[in-house]
């Protein structure tokens, strides 16, 4: 048992009470426009605007693989932009865009923010869509970084 709750639904509409953080994986190119981010942008403009600004001003901030940005979108709701993907394309020399070590580092930052806010964490199967990752590699990172610290995690499998 991983300690992660799995549900059918939309991670951009998290279930439950209390403070919630919606986590997702972004790329290190500043691109935003495919995958789960579209569901976020349909609900709130701020996570995309903050991500694009964070990337644009990267010479003066911590933007990069393994970084995390937290954007408040409601009184008890936050979005975590986790940079865990190198580029956006799968290539012969570079493989898939997912970077497990970057996801691991950003999950550590997410854990700190969740503890600070007393929040639960909600996400799709991060790093496993367009980033090309394997859930069998991501799930243990979530278990180690979040669940082991007592942070409730819900993973949503979307069925349109």
C-alpha atoms as a PDB file:
ATOM      1  CA  UNK A   1       0.000   0.000   0.000  1.00  0.00           C
ATOM      2  CA  UNK A   2       1.502   3.301  -1.084  1.00  0.00           C
ATOM      3  CA  UNK A   3      -0.523   5.592   1.184  1.00  0.00           C
ATOM      4  CA  UNK A   4      -1.730   7.489  -1.869  1.00  0.00           C
ATOM      5  CA  UNK A   5      -5.486   7.738  -2.473  1.00  0.00           C
ATOM      6  CA  UNK A   6      -6.468   7.093  -6.095  1.00  0.00           C
ATOM      7  CA  UNK A   7      -9.765   8.426  -7.455  1.00  0.00           C
ATOM      8  CA  UNK A   8     -11.493   8.889 -10.794  1.00  0.00           C
ATOM      9  CA  UNK A   9     -11.917  12.586 -11.479  1.00  0.00           C
ATOM     10  CA  UNK A  10     -10.365  15.890 -12.399  1.00  0.00           C
ATOM     11  CA  UNK A  11      -7.299  16.980 -10.412  1.00  0.00           C
ATOM     12  CA  UNK A  12      -8.114  20.609 -11.247  1.00  0.00           C
ATOM     13  CA  UNK A  13     -11.255  20.206  -9.072  1.00  0.00           C
ATOM     14  CA  UNK A  14      -9.777  18.584  -5.952  1.00  0.00           C
ATOM     15  CA  UNK A  15     -12.032  16.815  -3.467  1.00  0.00           C
ATOM     16  CA  UNK A  16     -12.115  17.164   0.283  1.00  0.00           C
ATOM     17  CA  UNK A  17     -11.957  19.859   2.925  1.00  0.00           C
ATOM     18  CA  UNK A  18      -9.187  22.138   4.090  1.00  0.00           C
ATOM     19  CA  UNK A  19      -6.251  23.703   2.302  1.00  0.00           C
ATOM     20  CA  UNK A  20      -5.336  21.941  -0.933  1.00  0.00           C
ATOM     21  CA  UNK A  21      -2.377  22.166  -3.306  1.00  0.00           C
ATOM     22  CA  UNK A  22      -2.799  21.000  -6.901  1.00  0.00           C
ATOM     23  CA  UNK A  23       0.599  19.795  -8.145  1.00  0.00           C
ATOM     24  CA  UNK A  24       1.660  19.262 -11.741  1.00  0.00           C
ATOM     25  CA  UNK A  25       4.884  19.002 -13.728  1.00  0.00           C
ATOM     26  CA  UNK A  26       6.092  21.770 -16.054  1.00  0.00           C
ATOM     27  CA  UNK A  27       8.957  21.928 -18.530  1.00  0.00           C
ATOM     28  CA  UNK A  28      12.137  23.977 -18.252  1.00  0.00           C
ATOM     29  CA  UNK A  29      11.496  25.912 -21.492  1.00  0.00           C
ATOM     30  CA  UNK A  30       8.694  28.056 -20.105  1.00  0.00           C
ATOM     31  CA  UNK A  31       6.156  26.393 -22.397  1.00  0.00           C
ATOM     32  CA  UNK A  32       2.554  26.100 -21.239  1.00  0.00           C
ATOM     33  CA  UNK A  33      -0.134  24.911 -23.594  1.00  0.00           C
ATOM     34  CA  UNK A  34      -0.613  21.133 -23.675  1.00  0.00           C
ATOM     35  CA  UNK A  35      -1.782  18.521 -21.235  1.00  0.00           C
ATOM     36  CA  UNK A  36      -3.041  19.129 -17.711  1.00  0.00           C
ATOM     37  CA  UNK A  37      -2.086  22.827 -17.748  1.00  0.00           C
ATOM     38  CA  UNK A  38      -5.004  23.483 -20.099  1.00  0.00           C
ATOM     39  CA  UNK A  39      -7.436  22.366 -17.374  1.00  0.00           C
ATOM     40  CA  UNK A  40      -5.699  24.705 -14.905  1.00  0.00           C
ATOM     41  CA  UNK A  41      -5.808  27.647 -17.316  1.00  0.00           C
ATOM     42  CA  UNK A  42      -9.520  27.111 -17.941  1.00  0.00           C
ATOM     43  CA  UNK A  43     -10.142  27.617 -14.220  1.00  0.00           C
ATOM     44  CA  UNK A  44      -7.529  30.243 -13.267  1.00  0.00           C
ATOM     45  CA  UNK A  45      -5.239  32.539 -15.288  1.00  0.00           C
ATOM     46  CA  UNK A  46      -2.751  33.121 -12.450  1.00  0.00           C
ATOM     47  CA  UNK A  47      -0.736  29.841 -12.508  1.00  0.00           C
ATOM     48  CA  UNK A  48       0.110  30.273 -16.200  1.00  0.00           C
ATOM     49  CA  UNK A  49       0.904  33.986 -15.858  1.00  0.00           C
ATOM     50  CA  UNK A  50       3.101  33.338 -12.813  1.00  0.00           C
ATOM     51  CA  UNK A  51       4.904  30.450 -14.540  1.00  0.00           C
ATOM     52  CA  UNK A  52       5.610  32.477 -17.678  1.00  0.00           C
ATOM     53  CA  UNK A  53       6.873  35.419 -15.565  1.00  0.00           C
ATOM     54  CA  UNK A  54       9.021  33.060 -13.449  1.00  0.00           C
ATOM     55  CA  UNK A  55      10.610  31.660 -16.636  1.00  0.00           C
ATOM     56  CA  UNK A  56      11.023  35.077 -18.266  1.00  0.00           C
ATOM     57  CA  UNK A  57      12.817  36.429 -15.174  1.00  0.00           C
ATOM     58  CA  UNK A  58      14.830  33.220 -14.596  1.00  0.00           C
ATOM     59  CA  UNK A  59      18.164  35.060 -14.586  1.00  0.00           C
ATOM     60  CA  UNK A  60      17.036  36.624 -11.281  1.00  0.00           C
ATOM     61  CA  UNK A  61      15.244  33.701  -9.586  1.00  0.00           C
ATOM     62  CA  UNK A  62      15.357  29.960  -8.863  1.00  0.00           C
ATOM     63  CA  UNK A  63      13.627  28.752 -12.064  1.00  0.00           C
ATOM     64  CA  UNK A  64      15.086  25.478 -13.337  1.00  0.00           C
ATOM     65  CA  UNK A  65      14.829  21.719 -13.066  1.00  0.00           C
ATOM     66  CA  UNK A  66      13.820  20.730  -9.549  1.00  0.00           C
ATOM     67  CA  UNK A  67      12.323  24.115  -8.661  1.00  0.00           C
ATOM     68  CA  UNK A  68       8.750  24.705  -7.479  1.00  0.00           C
ATOM     69  CA  UNK A  69       6.488  27.732  -7.652  1.00  0.00           C
ATOM     70  CA  UNK A  70       3.344  28.096  -5.530  1.00  0.00           C
ATOM     71  CA  UNK A  71       0.452  30.205  -6.781  1.00  0.00           C
ATOM     72  CA  UNK A  72      -2.588  30.877  -4.610  1.00  0.00           C
ATOM     73  CA  UNK A  73      -5.803  30.666  -6.646  1.00  0.00           C
ATOM     74  CA  UNK A  74      -8.371  30.705  -3.834  1.00  0.00           C
ATOM     75  CA  UNK A  75      -8.607  31.187  -0.063  1.00  0.00           C
ATOM     76  CA  UNK A  76      -7.756  27.517   0.550  1.00  0.00           C
ATOM     77  CA  UNK A  77      -6.363  26.478  -2.830  1.00  0.00           C
ATOM     78  CA  UNK A  78      -2.891  26.649  -4.352  1.00  0.00           C
ATOM     79  CA  UNK A  79      -1.284  25.416  -7.578  1.00  0.00           C
ATOM     80  CA  UNK A  80       2.270  24.044  -7.484  1.00  0.00           C
ATOM     81  CA  UNK A  81       4.217  24.437 -10.730  1.00  0.00           C
ATOM     82  CA  UNK A  82       6.937  21.753 -10.429  1.00  0.00           C
ATOM     83  CA  UNK A  83       9.745  21.926 -12.992  1.00  0.00           C
ATOM     84  CA  UNK A  84      10.419  18.264 -13.670  1.00  0.00           C
ATOM     85  CA  UNK A  85      10.681  18.036 -17.428  1.00  0.00           C
ATOM     86  CA  UNK A  86      13.640  18.862 -19.699  1.00  0.00           C
ATOM     87  CA  UNK A  87      12.190  20.369 -22.849  1.00  0.00           C
ATOM     88  CA  UNK A  88       9.000  19.145 -24.450  1.00  0.00           C
ATOM     89  CA  UNK A  89       9.987  16.550 -27.036  1.00  0.00           C
ATOM     90  CA  UNK A  90      11.177  12.981 -26.918  1.00  0.00           C
ATOM     91  CA  UNK A  91      14.410  12.628 -28.864  1.00  0.00           C
ATOM     92  CA  UNK A  92      16.702   9.826 -29.838  1.00  0.00           C
ATOM     93  CA  UNK A  93      19.628  11.249 -27.905  1.00  0.00           C
ATOM     94  CA  UNK A  94      17.736  12.772 -24.980  1.00  0.00           C
ATOM     95  CA  UNK A  95      14.986  10.204 -24.390  1.00  0.00           C
ATOM     96  CA  UNK A  96      11.730  11.296 -22.791  1.00  0.00           C
ATOM     97  CA  UNK A  97      11.466  14.790 -21.260  1.00  0.00           C
ATOM     98  CA  UNK A  98      10.733  13.614 -17.684  1.00  0.00           C
ATOM     99  CA  UNK A  99      13.571  14.075 -15.183  1.00  0.00           C
ATOM    100  CA  UNK A 100      12.902  11.956 -12.108  1.00  0.00           C
ATOM    101  CA  UNK A 101      15.607  13.623 -10.015  1.00  0.00           C
ATOM    102  CA  UNK A 102      14.014  17.019 -10.734  1.00  0.00           C
ATOM    103  CA  UNK A 103      10.560  15.725  -9.793  1.00  0.00           C
ATOM    104  CA  UNK A 104      12.072  14.348  -6.587  1.00  0.00           C
ATOM    105  CA  UNK A 105      13.659  17.705  -5.715  1.00  0.00           C
ATOM    106  CA  UNK A 106      10.486  19.667  -6.479  1.00  0.00           C
ATOM    107  CA  UNK A 107       8.410  17.220  -4.404  1.00  0.00           C
ATOM    108  CA  UNK A 108      10.686  18.016  -1.474  1.00  0.00           C
ATOM    109  CA  UNK A 109       9.839  21.704  -1.874  1.00  0.00           C
ATOM    110  CA  UNK A 110       6.156  20.813  -2.222  1.00  0.00           C
ATOM    111  CA  UNK A 111       6.314  18.840   1.029  1.00  0.00           C
ATOM    112  CA  UNK A 112       7.666  21.880   2.860  1.00  0.00           C
ATOM    113  CA  UNK A 113       4.894  24.105   1.499  1.00  0.00           C
ATOM    114  CA  UNK A 114       2.200  21.515   2.301  1.00  0.00           C
ATOM    115  CA  UNK A 115       3.468  21.251   5.883  1.00  0.00           C
ATOM    116  CA  UNK A 116       3.594  25.047   6.213  1.00  0.00           C
ATOM    117  CA  UNK A 117      -0.019  25.373   5.016  1.00  0.00           C
ATOM    118  CA  UNK A 118      -1.351  22.176   6.621  1.00  0.00           C
ATOM    119  CA  UNK A 119      -2.457  21.198   3.119  1.00  0.00           C
ATOM    120  CA  UNK A 120      -3.312  18.018   1.285  1.00  0.00           C
ATOM    121  CA  UNK A 121      -1.798  17.481  -2.167  1.00  0.00           C
ATOM    122  CA  UNK A 122      -3.812  16.645  -5.298  1.00  0.00           C
ATOM    123  CA  UNK A 123      -2.403  15.746  -8.706  1.00  0.00           C
ATOM    124  CA  UNK A 124      -2.782  13.818 -11.911  1.00  0.00           C
ATOM    125  CA  UNK A 125      -0.130  11.129 -12.495  1.00  0.00           C
ATOM    126  CA  UNK A 126       2.592  13.758 -12.699  1.00  0.00           C
ATOM    127  CA  UNK A 127       5.386  13.290 -15.196  1.00  0.00           C
ATOM    128  CA  UNK A 128       3.567  10.428 -16.915  1.00  0.00           C
ATOM    129  CA  UNK A 129       1.617  12.217 -19.632  1.00  0.00           C
ATOM    130  CA  UNK A 130       3.431  14.349 -22.179  1.00  0.00           C
ATOM    131  CA  UNK A 131       6.667  14.089 -20.163  1.00  0.00           C
ATOM    132  CA  UNK A 132       6.753  10.355 -20.922  1.00  0.00           C
ATOM    133  CA  UNK A 133       7.546   9.099 -17.429  1.00  0.00           C
ATOM    134  CA  UNK A 134       6.591   5.830 -15.796  1.00  0.00           C
ATOM    135  CA  UNK A 135       4.298   5.847 -12.752  1.00  0.00           C
ATOM    136  CA  UNK A 136       6.318   2.983 -11.282  1.00  0.00           C
ATOM    137  CA  UNK A 137       9.204   5.485 -10.982  1.00  0.00           C
ATOM    138  CA  UNK A 138       7.175   8.528  -9.859  1.00  0.00           C
ATOM    139  CA  UNK A 139       4.931   6.894  -7.251  1.00  0.00           C
ATOM    140  CA  UNK A 140       7.815   5.926  -4.896  1.00  0.00           C
ATOM    141  CA  UNK A 141       9.086   9.536  -5.007  1.00  0.00           C
ATOM    142  CA  UNK A 142       5.661  10.803  -3.907  1.00  0.00           C
ATOM    143  CA  UNK A 143       5.499   8.168  -1.185  1.00  0.00           C
ATOM    144  CA  UNK A 144       8.959   9.062   0.123  1.00  0.00           C
ATOM    145  CA  UNK A 145       8.696  12.851  -0.112  1.00  0.00           C
ATOM    146  CA  UNK A 146       5.053  13.424   0.855  1.00  0.00           C
ATOM    147  CA  UNK A 147       3.278  10.385   2.298  1.00  0.00           C
ATOM    148  CA  UNK A 148       6.178   9.500   4.606  1.00  0.00           C
ATOM    149  CA  UNK A 149       5.848  13.001   6.105  1.00  0.00           C
ATOM    150  CA  UNK A 150       2.150  12.494   6.806  1.00  0.00           C
ATOM    151  CA  UNK A 151       0.921  14.648   3.922  1.00  0.00           C
ATOM    152  CA  UNK A 152      -2.343  13.342   2.415  1.00  0.00           C
ATOM    153  CA  UNK A 153      -1.990  12.779  -1.347  1.00  0.00           C
ATOM    154  CA  UNK A 154      -4.782  12.134  -3.834  1.00  0.00           C
ATOM    155  CA  UNK A 155      -4.006  11.112  -7.425  1.00  0.00           C
ATOM    156  CA  UNK A 156      -6.743  11.646  -9.999  1.00  0.00           C
ATOM    157  CA  UNK A 157      -7.266   9.501 -13.067  1.00  0.00           C
ATOM    158  CA  UNK A 158      -9.271  11.608 -15.503  1.00  0.00           C
ATOM    159  CA  UNK A 159     -11.965   9.998 -17.616  1.00  0.00           C
ATOM    160  CA  UNK A 160     -13.639  12.474 -19.963  1.00  0.00           C
END
